[in-house]
N, C-alpha and C. Protein backbone atom coordinates (compact mmCIF):
# COMPACT_ATOMS: atom_id res chain seq x y z
N MET A 1 -42.97 -37.46 32.41
CA MET A 1 -42.65 -36.40 32.65
C MET A 1 -43.48 -35.30 32.59
N ARG A 2 -44.18 -34.51 32.42
CA ARG A 2 -44.98 -33.28 31.65
C ARG A 2 -44.54 -32.22 31.28
N LEU A 3 -44.17 -31.78 30.59
CA LEU A 3 -43.86 -29.88 30.43
C LEU A 3 -44.60 -29.47 30.92
N THR A 4 -44.40 -28.11 31.36
CA THR A 4 -45.18 -27.24 31.77
C THR A 4 -45.28 -26.16 30.94
N HIS A 5 -46.47 -25.30 31.20
CA HIS A 5 -46.57 -23.92 30.64
C HIS A 5 -45.06 -23.54 30.24
N LEU A 6 -44.76 -22.81 31.65
CA LEU A 6 -43.78 -22.18 31.56
C LEU A 6 -42.79 -22.55 31.38
N GLY A 7 -42.66 -24.19 31.98
CA GLY A 7 -41.19 -24.72 31.01
C GLY A 7 -41.33 -24.82 29.73
N ARG A 8 -41.95 -24.59 28.61
CA ARG A 8 -41.90 -24.06 27.45
C ARG A 8 -41.67 -22.96 26.63
N ALA A 9 -42.66 -21.54 27.78
CA ALA A 9 -41.73 -20.25 27.77
C ALA A 9 -40.27 -20.82 27.71
N PHE A 10 -40.23 -21.06 28.96
CA PHE A 10 -38.51 -20.98 29.19
C PHE A 10 -37.84 -21.95 27.90
N LEU A 11 -38.43 -22.73 27.15
CA LEU A 11 -37.24 -23.54 26.09
C LEU A 11 -37.56 -22.08 25.24
N THR A 12 -38.92 -22.02 24.81
CA THR A 12 -39.10 -21.31 23.18
C THR A 12 -38.43 -19.83 23.59
N ALA A 13 -37.59 -19.57 25.05
CA ALA A 13 -37.09 -17.97 24.93
C ALA A 13 -35.61 -18.50 24.47
N LEU A 14 -35.31 -19.45 25.60
CA LEU A 14 -33.72 -19.72 25.28
C LEU A 14 -33.09 -19.87 23.55
N LEU A 15 -34.40 -20.66 23.10
CA LEU A 15 -33.92 -21.44 21.66
C LEU A 15 -33.76 -19.43 21.02
N GLY A 16 -34.70 -19.24 21.38
CA GLY A 16 -34.21 -17.73 20.65
C GLY A 16 -33.20 -16.66 21.55
N ILE A 17 -32.80 -16.81 21.93
CA ILE A 17 -31.65 -16.07 22.50
C ILE A 17 -30.30 -17.16 21.48
N ALA A 18 -30.39 -18.56 21.56
CA ALA A 18 -29.57 -18.86 20.97
C ALA A 18 -29.74 -19.07 19.45
N VAL A 19 -30.45 -18.43 19.21
CA VAL A 19 -31.25 -18.35 17.38
C VAL A 19 -30.53 -17.08 17.14
N VAL A 20 -30.84 -15.63 17.88
CA VAL A 20 -30.03 -14.55 17.35
C VAL A 20 -28.27 -13.90 18.28
N LEU A 21 -28.46 -15.08 19.23
CA LEU A 21 -26.55 -14.92 19.22
C LEU A 21 -26.13 -15.77 18.00
N GLY A 22 -26.92 -16.58 17.15
CA GLY A 22 -25.67 -17.25 16.58
C GLY A 22 -26.38 -16.44 15.08
N LEU A 23 -27.11 -15.91 15.13
CA LEU A 23 -27.41 -15.06 13.73
C LEU A 23 -26.62 -13.84 14.05
N SER A 24 -26.04 -13.58 14.63
CA SER A 24 -25.13 -12.30 15.23
C SER A 24 -23.76 -12.57 14.68
N GLY A 25 -23.48 -11.13 13.61
CA GLY A 25 -22.02 -11.66 13.08
C GLY A 25 -21.31 -10.99 14.16
N PRO A 26 -20.01 -10.53 13.70
CA PRO A 26 -18.68 -9.88 14.38
C PRO A 26 -19.33 -8.54 14.10
N ALA A 27 -18.59 -7.86 15.36
CA ALA A 27 -18.86 -6.26 15.91
C ALA A 27 -18.56 -6.07 14.59
N THR A 28 -19.60 -4.26 13.89
CA THR A 28 -19.31 -3.81 13.27
C THR A 28 -19.43 -2.12 13.40
N ALA A 29 -18.67 -1.38 12.73
CA ALA A 29 -18.65 0.46 12.79
C ALA A 29 -20.32 0.44 12.53
N ALA A 30 -20.71 1.68 12.41
CA ALA A 30 -21.92 2.48 12.27
C ALA A 30 -22.06 2.68 10.83
N ASP A 31 -21.35 2.53 10.14
CA ASP A 31 -21.89 2.19 8.63
C ASP A 31 -21.53 1.03 7.83
N GLY A 32 -21.47 -0.30 9.13
CA GLY A 32 -22.04 -1.41 8.86
C GLY A 32 -20.25 -2.40 8.23
N ARG A 33 -19.09 -1.64 8.29
CA ARG A 33 -17.74 -1.91 8.72
C ARG A 33 -17.26 -2.78 9.43
N ALA A 34 -16.40 -3.75 9.38
CA ALA A 34 -15.91 -4.56 10.46
C ALA A 34 -14.66 -3.66 11.45
N ALA A 35 -15.36 -2.92 12.59
CA ALA A 35 -14.34 -2.60 13.72
C ALA A 35 -13.13 -2.29 13.88
N ALA A 36 -11.70 -1.50 12.91
CA ALA A 36 -10.64 -2.12 12.73
C ALA A 36 -10.02 -1.92 14.44
N ALA A 37 -8.88 -3.02 14.55
CA ALA A 37 -8.49 -3.58 15.84
C ALA A 37 -7.59 -2.31 16.55
N ASP A 38 -8.09 -1.80 17.80
CA ASP A 38 -6.95 -0.97 18.36
C ASP A 38 -5.20 -1.24 18.15
N LEU A 39 -4.61 -2.34 17.69
CA LEU A 39 -3.41 -2.13 17.51
C LEU A 39 -3.09 -3.26 17.30
N THR A 40 -2.44 -2.95 15.81
CA THR A 40 -1.89 -4.26 14.66
C THR A 40 -0.33 -3.96 14.97
N PHE A 41 -0.30 -5.23 14.12
CA PHE A 41 1.64 -5.63 14.18
C PHE A 41 2.01 -6.30 12.59
N ALA A 42 3.14 -6.25 12.85
CA ALA A 42 4.17 -6.63 11.13
C ALA A 42 4.97 -6.90 11.71
N VAL A 43 5.97 -7.90 11.01
CA VAL A 43 7.58 -7.86 11.79
C VAL A 43 8.08 -7.75 9.66
N ASP A 44 8.94 -7.43 9.10
CA ASP A 44 9.42 -7.45 7.84
C ASP A 44 10.13 -8.99 7.27
N GLN A 45 10.20 -9.67 8.40
CA GLN A 45 10.94 -10.64 8.52
C GLN A 45 10.87 -11.85 9.39
N PRO A 46 10.08 -13.07 9.62
CA PRO A 46 10.51 -13.70 10.76
C PRO A 46 11.45 -14.69 11.38
N THR A 47 12.32 -14.88 10.80
CA THR A 47 13.71 -15.03 10.68
C THR A 47 15.18 -14.21 10.49
N VAL A 48 15.78 -13.85 11.37
CA VAL A 48 16.99 -12.93 11.32
C VAL A 48 18.41 -13.48 12.10
N ALA A 49 19.39 -13.43 11.26
CA ALA A 49 20.60 -13.66 11.50
C ALA A 49 21.56 -12.55 12.76
N PRO A 50 22.48 -12.68 13.30
CA PRO A 50 22.95 -11.75 14.44
C PRO A 50 23.65 -10.86 13.02
N GLY A 51 23.66 -9.56 13.61
CA GLY A 51 24.54 -9.06 12.51
C GLY A 51 23.13 -7.62 12.01
N SER A 52 21.89 -8.02 12.04
CA SER A 52 21.06 -7.91 10.95
C SER A 52 20.15 -7.09 11.63
N THR A 53 19.64 -6.79 10.73
CA THR A 53 17.95 -5.52 11.30
C THR A 53 16.73 -6.66 11.01
N VAL A 54 15.81 -6.68 12.19
CA VAL A 54 14.19 -7.23 11.36
C VAL A 54 13.70 -5.66 11.94
N ASN A 55 12.04 -5.12 11.19
CA ASN A 55 11.37 -4.30 11.74
C ASN A 55 10.33 -4.16 11.88
N LEU A 56 10.17 -3.84 13.03
CA LEU A 56 8.31 -4.15 13.59
C LEU A 56 7.69 -3.09 13.00
N THR A 57 5.98 -3.14 13.07
CA THR A 57 5.70 -1.98 12.14
C THR A 57 4.20 -1.90 12.99
N MET A 58 4.06 -1.46 14.22
CA MET A 58 2.55 -1.04 14.72
C MET A 58 1.96 0.11 14.25
N THR A 59 0.25 -0.02 14.35
CA THR A 59 -0.60 0.58 13.32
C THR A 59 -1.43 0.37 15.01
N PHE A 60 -1.90 2.19 15.22
CA PHE A 60 -3.25 2.10 16.52
C PHE A 60 -3.92 2.45 15.42
N THR A 61 -4.75 2.36 15.96
CA THR A 61 -6.20 2.53 15.39
C THR A 61 -7.66 3.36 16.30
N ASN A 62 -8.02 4.24 15.80
CA ASN A 62 -8.59 5.23 16.88
C ASN A 62 -9.91 4.23 16.28
N ASN A 63 -10.64 3.44 16.80
CA ASN A 63 -12.17 2.82 16.84
C ASN A 63 -12.69 2.85 17.49
N GLN A 64 -12.87 4.37 18.24
CA GLN A 64 -13.85 4.88 18.70
C GLN A 64 -14.89 5.88 18.07
N GLU A 65 -15.88 6.28 18.67
CA GLU A 65 -17.35 7.24 18.01
C GLU A 65 -16.57 8.14 17.88
N THR A 66 -15.26 8.68 19.09
CA THR A 66 -15.40 9.97 19.24
C THR A 66 -13.43 10.28 18.86
N ASP A 67 -13.28 11.80 18.76
CA ASP A 67 -11.80 11.80 18.99
C ASP A 67 -10.84 10.79 20.28
N ILE A 68 -10.13 10.58 20.34
CA ILE A 68 -8.87 10.50 21.08
C ILE A 68 -7.94 11.12 22.12
N TRP A 69 -8.37 11.34 23.05
CA TRP A 69 -7.05 12.69 23.52
C TRP A 69 -6.05 11.90 24.43
N PHE A 70 -5.62 11.05 24.65
CA PHE A 70 -5.07 10.38 25.67
C PHE A 70 -4.35 9.43 25.41
N VAL A 71 -3.01 8.84 24.80
CA VAL A 71 -2.50 7.76 23.98
C VAL A 71 -1.27 7.48 25.06
N TYR A 72 -0.91 6.14 25.67
CA TYR A 72 0.19 6.54 25.87
C TYR A 72 0.72 4.68 25.44
N GLN A 73 1.86 4.69 24.67
CA GLN A 73 1.73 2.60 24.98
C GLN A 73 3.12 1.98 24.95
N SER A 74 3.48 1.35 25.42
CA SER A 74 5.20 1.10 25.93
C SER A 74 5.31 -0.82 25.48
N VAL A 75 6.37 -0.63 25.27
CA VAL A 75 6.86 -1.92 23.94
C VAL A 75 8.25 -2.60 24.87
N GLN A 76 7.90 -3.71 25.75
CA GLN A 76 8.50 -4.12 26.24
C GLN A 76 9.17 -5.39 26.02
N PRO A 77 10.45 -6.23 25.64
CA PRO A 77 10.82 -7.49 25.77
C PRO A 77 9.82 -8.72 26.48
N THR A 78 9.00 -9.69 26.00
CA THR A 78 8.64 -11.18 26.28
C THR A 78 9.27 -11.60 27.46
N TRP A 79 8.60 -12.25 28.43
CA TRP A 79 9.73 -12.55 29.38
C TRP A 79 10.32 -13.67 29.38
N LEU A 80 10.24 -14.53 27.80
CA LEU A 80 10.61 -15.30 27.64
C LEU A 80 12.09 -14.88 26.65
N THR A 81 11.97 -13.76 26.26
CA THR A 81 13.00 -13.08 25.94
C THR A 81 14.09 -13.17 26.61
N THR A 82 13.42 -12.44 28.17
CA THR A 82 14.38 -11.99 28.77
C THR A 82 15.15 -12.61 29.51
N GLN A 83 14.59 -14.24 29.27
CA GLN A 83 15.65 -15.31 30.21
C GLN A 83 16.50 -15.85 28.74
N ARG A 84 16.32 -15.41 27.54
CA ARG A 84 17.67 -15.63 27.04
C ARG A 84 18.54 -14.77 27.21
N LYS A 85 19.48 -14.81 27.98
CA LYS A 85 20.40 -13.82 28.23
C LYS A 85 21.88 -13.97 27.16
N ASP A 86 21.62 -14.97 25.92
CA ASP A 86 22.57 -14.54 24.74
C ASP A 86 21.94 -13.79 24.42
N LEU A 87 20.75 -13.96 23.87
CA LEU A 87 20.20 -12.61 22.78
C LEU A 87 20.64 -11.49 22.90
N LYS A 88 21.66 -11.03 22.23
CA LYS A 88 21.61 -9.00 22.02
C LYS A 88 20.80 -8.54 21.47
N TYR A 89 20.21 -7.36 21.02
CA TYR A 89 19.33 -6.86 20.44
C TYR A 89 19.45 -5.60 21.19
N ALA A 90 18.95 -4.27 19.96
CA ALA A 90 18.26 -3.26 20.42
C ALA A 90 17.54 -2.33 19.89
N ILE A 91 16.52 -1.80 20.21
CA ILE A 91 15.19 -0.94 19.11
C ILE A 91 16.62 0.55 18.67
N ALA A 92 16.98 0.00 17.56
CA ALA A 92 17.73 1.05 17.29
C ALA A 92 17.24 2.39 16.77
N SER A 93 16.31 2.11 16.66
CA SER A 93 15.09 3.61 15.71
C SER A 93 14.29 3.60 16.00
N CYS A 94 13.13 4.66 16.22
CA CYS A 94 11.38 4.63 16.82
C CYS A 94 11.19 5.75 14.99
N THR A 95 10.40 5.24 14.61
CA THR A 95 10.02 6.69 13.32
C THR A 95 8.57 6.51 13.49
N ALA A 96 7.59 7.96 13.44
CA ALA A 96 6.35 8.04 13.19
C ALA A 96 6.39 9.41 13.42
N ASP A 97 4.82 9.51 12.62
CA ASP A 97 4.43 10.55 12.36
C ASP A 97 3.73 10.81 13.30
N GLY A 98 3.26 11.96 14.21
CA GLY A 98 2.15 12.22 14.92
C GLY A 98 2.92 11.29 16.56
N VAL A 99 4.15 11.05 16.87
CA VAL A 99 4.36 9.67 17.79
C VAL A 99 5.77 10.10 18.51
N THR A 100 6.10 10.68 19.65
CA THR A 100 7.42 10.57 20.06
C THR A 100 7.59 9.63 20.91
N CYS A 101 9.03 8.99 20.64
CA CYS A 101 9.49 7.60 21.08
C CYS A 101 10.37 7.98 22.55
N SER A 102 10.62 7.54 23.32
CA SER A 102 11.71 7.56 24.36
C SER A 102 12.02 6.27 24.45
N GLY A 103 13.50 5.93 24.53
CA GLY A 103 13.98 5.19 24.91
C GLY A 103 14.71 4.32 23.70
N THR A 104 15.03 4.51 22.44
CA THR A 104 16.00 4.10 21.57
C THR A 104 17.52 3.96 21.91
N GLY A 105 18.09 2.63 21.36
CA GLY A 105 19.47 2.56 22.08
C GLY A 105 18.73 1.30 23.20
N THR A 106 17.96 1.30 24.04
CA THR A 106 17.32 -0.19 24.91
C THR A 106 16.44 -1.41 24.40
N THR A 107 16.60 -1.67 25.21
CA THR A 107 14.92 -3.16 24.68
C THR A 107 14.20 -2.57 24.70
N ALA A 108 13.46 -1.41 25.15
CA ALA A 108 12.10 -1.19 25.45
C ALA A 108 12.43 0.48 24.95
N VAL A 109 10.62 0.97 24.59
CA VAL A 109 10.72 2.19 23.88
C VAL A 109 9.28 2.47 24.94
N GLY A 110 8.95 3.55 24.69
CA GLY A 110 8.03 4.32 25.28
C GLY A 110 7.73 5.24 24.17
N LEU A 111 5.77 5.12 24.19
CA LEU A 111 4.85 5.82 22.65
C LEU A 111 4.25 7.21 23.29
N ASN A 112 4.27 8.09 22.75
CA ASN A 112 3.31 9.41 23.08
C ASN A 112 2.74 9.65 21.95
N TYR A 113 1.91 9.71 21.58
CA TYR A 113 0.73 10.10 20.65
C TYR A 113 0.86 11.20 20.60
N ALA A 114 1.13 12.26 19.27
CA ALA A 114 -0.21 13.75 19.30
C ALA A 114 -1.82 13.61 19.59
N VAL A 115 -2.43 14.12 19.93
CA VAL A 115 -3.69 14.01 19.81
C VAL A 115 -3.95 15.73 19.47
N PRO A 116 -5.30 15.81 19.23
CA PRO A 116 -6.52 14.47 19.21
C PRO A 116 -6.39 13.35 17.86
N ILE A 117 -7.31 11.96 17.91
CA ILE A 117 -6.90 11.50 16.84
C ILE A 117 -8.53 11.03 16.41
N PRO A 118 -8.89 11.32 15.15
CA PRO A 118 -10.41 11.50 15.43
C PRO A 118 -11.11 10.00 15.01
N PRO A 119 -11.95 10.19 15.09
CA PRO A 119 -12.58 8.83 14.70
C PRO A 119 -11.69 7.76 12.89
N GLY A 120 -11.54 6.54 13.49
CA GLY A 120 -11.17 5.50 11.99
C GLY A 120 -9.73 6.57 11.52
N ALA A 121 -9.56 7.01 12.14
CA ALA A 121 -7.83 8.28 11.96
C ALA A 121 -6.68 6.60 12.49
N SER A 122 -5.69 6.59 11.84
CA SER A 122 -4.40 5.89 12.45
C SER A 122 -3.16 6.28 12.52
N ARG A 123 -2.58 6.05 13.35
CA ARG A 123 -0.87 6.61 13.81
C ARG A 123 -0.24 4.91 13.77
N THR A 124 1.09 5.23 12.19
CA THR A 124 1.66 4.20 12.21
C THR A 124 3.18 4.20 12.94
N VAL A 125 4.15 3.26 13.37
CA VAL A 125 5.48 3.45 14.24
C VAL A 125 5.99 2.44 13.60
N ASN A 126 7.22 2.48 13.25
CA ASN A 126 8.18 1.73 12.63
C ASN A 126 9.47 1.10 13.84
N LEU A 127 9.44 -0.02 14.16
CA LEU A 127 10.57 0.10 14.86
C LEU A 127 12.16 -0.88 14.50
N ALA A 128 12.61 -0.13 14.24
CA ALA A 128 13.96 -0.97 13.62
C ALA A 128 14.59 -1.88 14.97
N VAL A 129 14.29 -3.12 15.05
CA VAL A 129 15.28 -3.81 16.30
C VAL A 129 16.86 -4.65 15.88
N GLN A 130 17.57 -3.84 15.73
CA GLN A 130 19.65 -4.65 15.36
C GLN A 130 19.57 -5.57 16.75
N ILE A 131 19.98 -6.52 15.81
CA ILE A 131 20.81 -7.70 16.97
C ILE A 131 21.88 -7.55 16.14
N ALA A 132 22.71 -7.92 17.31
CA ALA A 132 23.63 -7.48 17.96
C ALA A 132 24.53 -8.63 17.08
N ALA A 133 25.77 -8.88 15.85
CA ALA A 133 26.51 -9.37 15.70
C ALA A 133 27.38 -10.53 16.45
N ASP A 134 26.71 -10.36 17.71
CA ASP A 134 27.89 -11.86 18.37
C ASP A 134 26.47 -11.84 19.86
N SER A 135 25.72 -11.83 19.19
CA SER A 135 24.28 -12.73 19.31
C SER A 135 24.45 -13.52 19.80
N GLY A 136 23.60 -14.39 20.53
CA GLY A 136 23.38 -16.04 20.63
C GLY A 136 22.02 -16.45 18.92
N CYS A 137 21.56 -17.73 19.51
CA CYS A 137 20.98 -17.90 17.92
C CYS A 137 20.32 -19.16 18.32
N ASN A 138 18.88 -19.49 17.62
CA ASN A 138 18.15 -20.51 18.21
C ASN A 138 17.20 -19.59 19.48
N GLY A 139 17.05 -18.69 19.34
CA GLY A 139 16.57 -18.24 20.48
C GLY A 139 15.14 -16.95 19.96
N ASN A 140 14.80 -16.97 20.27
CA ASN A 140 13.39 -15.81 19.41
C ASN A 140 13.03 -14.28 20.31
N ILE A 141 13.11 -13.49 19.48
CA ILE A 141 13.01 -12.34 19.43
C ILE A 141 11.00 -11.62 20.17
N GLY A 142 10.89 -11.65 20.63
CA GLY A 142 8.99 -11.14 20.78
C GLY A 142 9.14 -9.60 21.89
N PHE A 143 8.15 -8.83 21.77
CA PHE A 143 7.80 -8.04 22.62
C PHE A 143 6.20 -7.85 22.74
N TYR A 144 5.77 -7.30 24.03
CA TYR A 144 4.53 -7.87 23.67
C TYR A 144 4.66 -5.90 24.35
N SER A 145 2.95 -4.96 23.84
CA SER A 145 2.85 -3.83 24.43
C SER A 145 1.44 -3.64 25.13
N TYR A 146 1.81 -2.48 26.41
CA TYR A 146 0.55 -2.22 26.68
C TYR A 146 0.32 -1.12 26.08
N LEU A 147 -1.41 -0.75 25.81
CA LEU A 147 -1.77 0.66 25.62
C LEU A 147 -2.87 1.03 26.31
N TYR A 148 -2.72 1.97 26.45
CA TYR A 148 -4.15 3.14 27.22
C TYR A 148 -4.18 4.33 26.81
N TYR A 149 -5.79 4.79 26.56
CA TYR A 149 -5.81 5.79 26.15
C TYR A 149 -7.62 6.15 26.63
N GLU A 150 -7.66 7.29 26.70
CA GLU A 150 -9.13 8.32 27.17
C GLU A 150 -8.93 8.75 25.68
N TYR A 151 -10.91 8.46 25.64
CA TYR A 151 -11.61 8.98 24.42
C TYR A 151 -12.75 9.04 25.18
N ASN A 152 -14.09 9.94 24.41
CA ASN A 152 -14.93 10.79 25.17
C ASN A 152 -14.85 11.63 25.88
N GLY A 153 -13.95 12.62 25.80
CA GLY A 153 -13.86 13.82 26.02
C GLY A 153 -13.08 13.22 27.78
N GLY A 154 -12.58 12.08 27.60
CA GLY A 154 -11.83 11.72 28.75
C GLY A 154 -12.58 11.09 30.11
N GLN A 155 -14.11 10.45 29.62
CA GLN A 155 -15.00 10.30 30.01
C GLN A 155 -14.85 8.50 30.38
N SER A 156 -13.91 8.56 29.39
CA SER A 156 -13.99 6.99 28.56
C SER A 156 -12.18 6.47 28.26
N THR A 157 -12.04 5.31 29.10
CA THR A 157 -11.09 4.93 28.70
C THR A 157 -10.23 3.01 28.76
N LYS A 158 -9.37 2.64 27.58
CA LYS A 158 -9.69 1.27 27.62
C LYS A 158 -8.01 1.38 27.20
N ASP A 159 -7.56 -0.13 27.85
CA ASP A 159 -6.22 0.01 27.57
C ASP A 159 -6.50 -2.29 27.44
N GLY A 160 -4.73 -2.31 27.16
CA GLY A 160 -5.34 -3.32 27.08
C GLY A 160 -3.51 -4.14 26.99
N VAL A 161 -3.15 -5.06 26.68
CA VAL A 161 -1.58 -5.72 26.61
C VAL A 161 -2.21 -6.96 24.72
N PHE A 162 -0.87 -6.69 24.46
CA PHE A 162 -1.21 -6.55 22.89
C PHE A 162 0.69 -7.73 22.82
N THR A 163 0.94 -8.93 22.09
CA THR A 163 2.02 -9.34 21.68
C THR A 163 2.01 -9.41 20.26
N THR A 164 3.66 -9.03 19.93
CA THR A 164 3.65 -8.77 18.82
C THR A 164 4.51 -10.23 18.37
N PRO A 165 4.62 -10.01 16.81
CA PRO A 165 4.95 -11.44 16.03
C PRO A 165 6.54 -11.73 16.54
N GLU A 166 6.66 -13.15 16.73
CA GLU A 166 8.32 -13.10 17.36
C GLU A 166 9.63 -13.38 16.00
N THR A 167 10.31 -13.53 16.27
CA THR A 167 11.11 -12.93 15.35
C THR A 167 12.52 -14.04 15.54
N ARG A 168 12.51 -14.83 15.01
CA ARG A 168 13.52 -16.47 15.49
C ARG A 168 14.88 -15.24 14.85
N VAL A 169 15.96 -15.72 15.81
CA VAL A 169 17.42 -15.07 15.42
C VAL A 169 18.23 -17.11 14.92
N THR A 170 18.76 -16.93 14.15
CA THR A 170 19.42 -18.25 14.11
C THR A 170 20.67 -17.62 13.29
N CYS A 171 21.73 -18.58 12.88
CA CYS A 171 23.09 -18.86 12.49
C CYS A 171 22.75 -19.77 11.58
N ALA A 172 24.34 -19.35 10.98
CA ALA A 172 24.09 -20.30 9.70
C ALA A 172 24.83 -22.40 10.80
N PRO A 173 24.75 -22.89 9.90
CA PRO A 173 25.49 -24.39 10.22
C PRO A 173 27.00 -24.34 10.44
N ALA A 174 27.36 -24.81 11.78
CA ALA A 174 29.06 -25.18 11.38
C ALA A 174 29.18 -25.54 10.04
N GLN A 175 30.58 -25.40 9.42
CA GLN A 175 31.06 -25.74 8.23
C GLN A 175 31.90 -27.35 8.99
N PRO A 176 31.48 -28.11 8.37
CA PRO A 176 32.70 -29.23 8.80
C PRO A 176 33.87 -29.77 8.28
């Protein structure tokens, strides 16, 4: 079967697209740096015992080219966490500069960020999650976070669901 000129042109174009896509790196900001993630998480310890506290740190970064004019974030337990009725915990405190928290003392919080947030600026929130002394063991406590924000003078929006690292609640083995 003969290859026509149109077939050769198609193959050449396809090869050109593949080369361009293969050589393009990750998305970068205008100054050449990699764009920061919208929301990042860290926990101070992956394993805790009943009666202890784990600290969850969340950092929201404005990775847009304009000010952010509205931000709302909620932090809720994951479905798997809610299925373990023996796990007892509460978000004991929420501390942050430029962020108002509501719902401490429960298993979920809402966060309202002070605005505007200029491009490249970040806001960090620290949540102290207290594990009850009579909590069950061998289960994971994890949260998901819904984030919604408006930028570009309120003309553009972005939202998404982010999952935090999980913390395992362990108990000392029974003594013989």
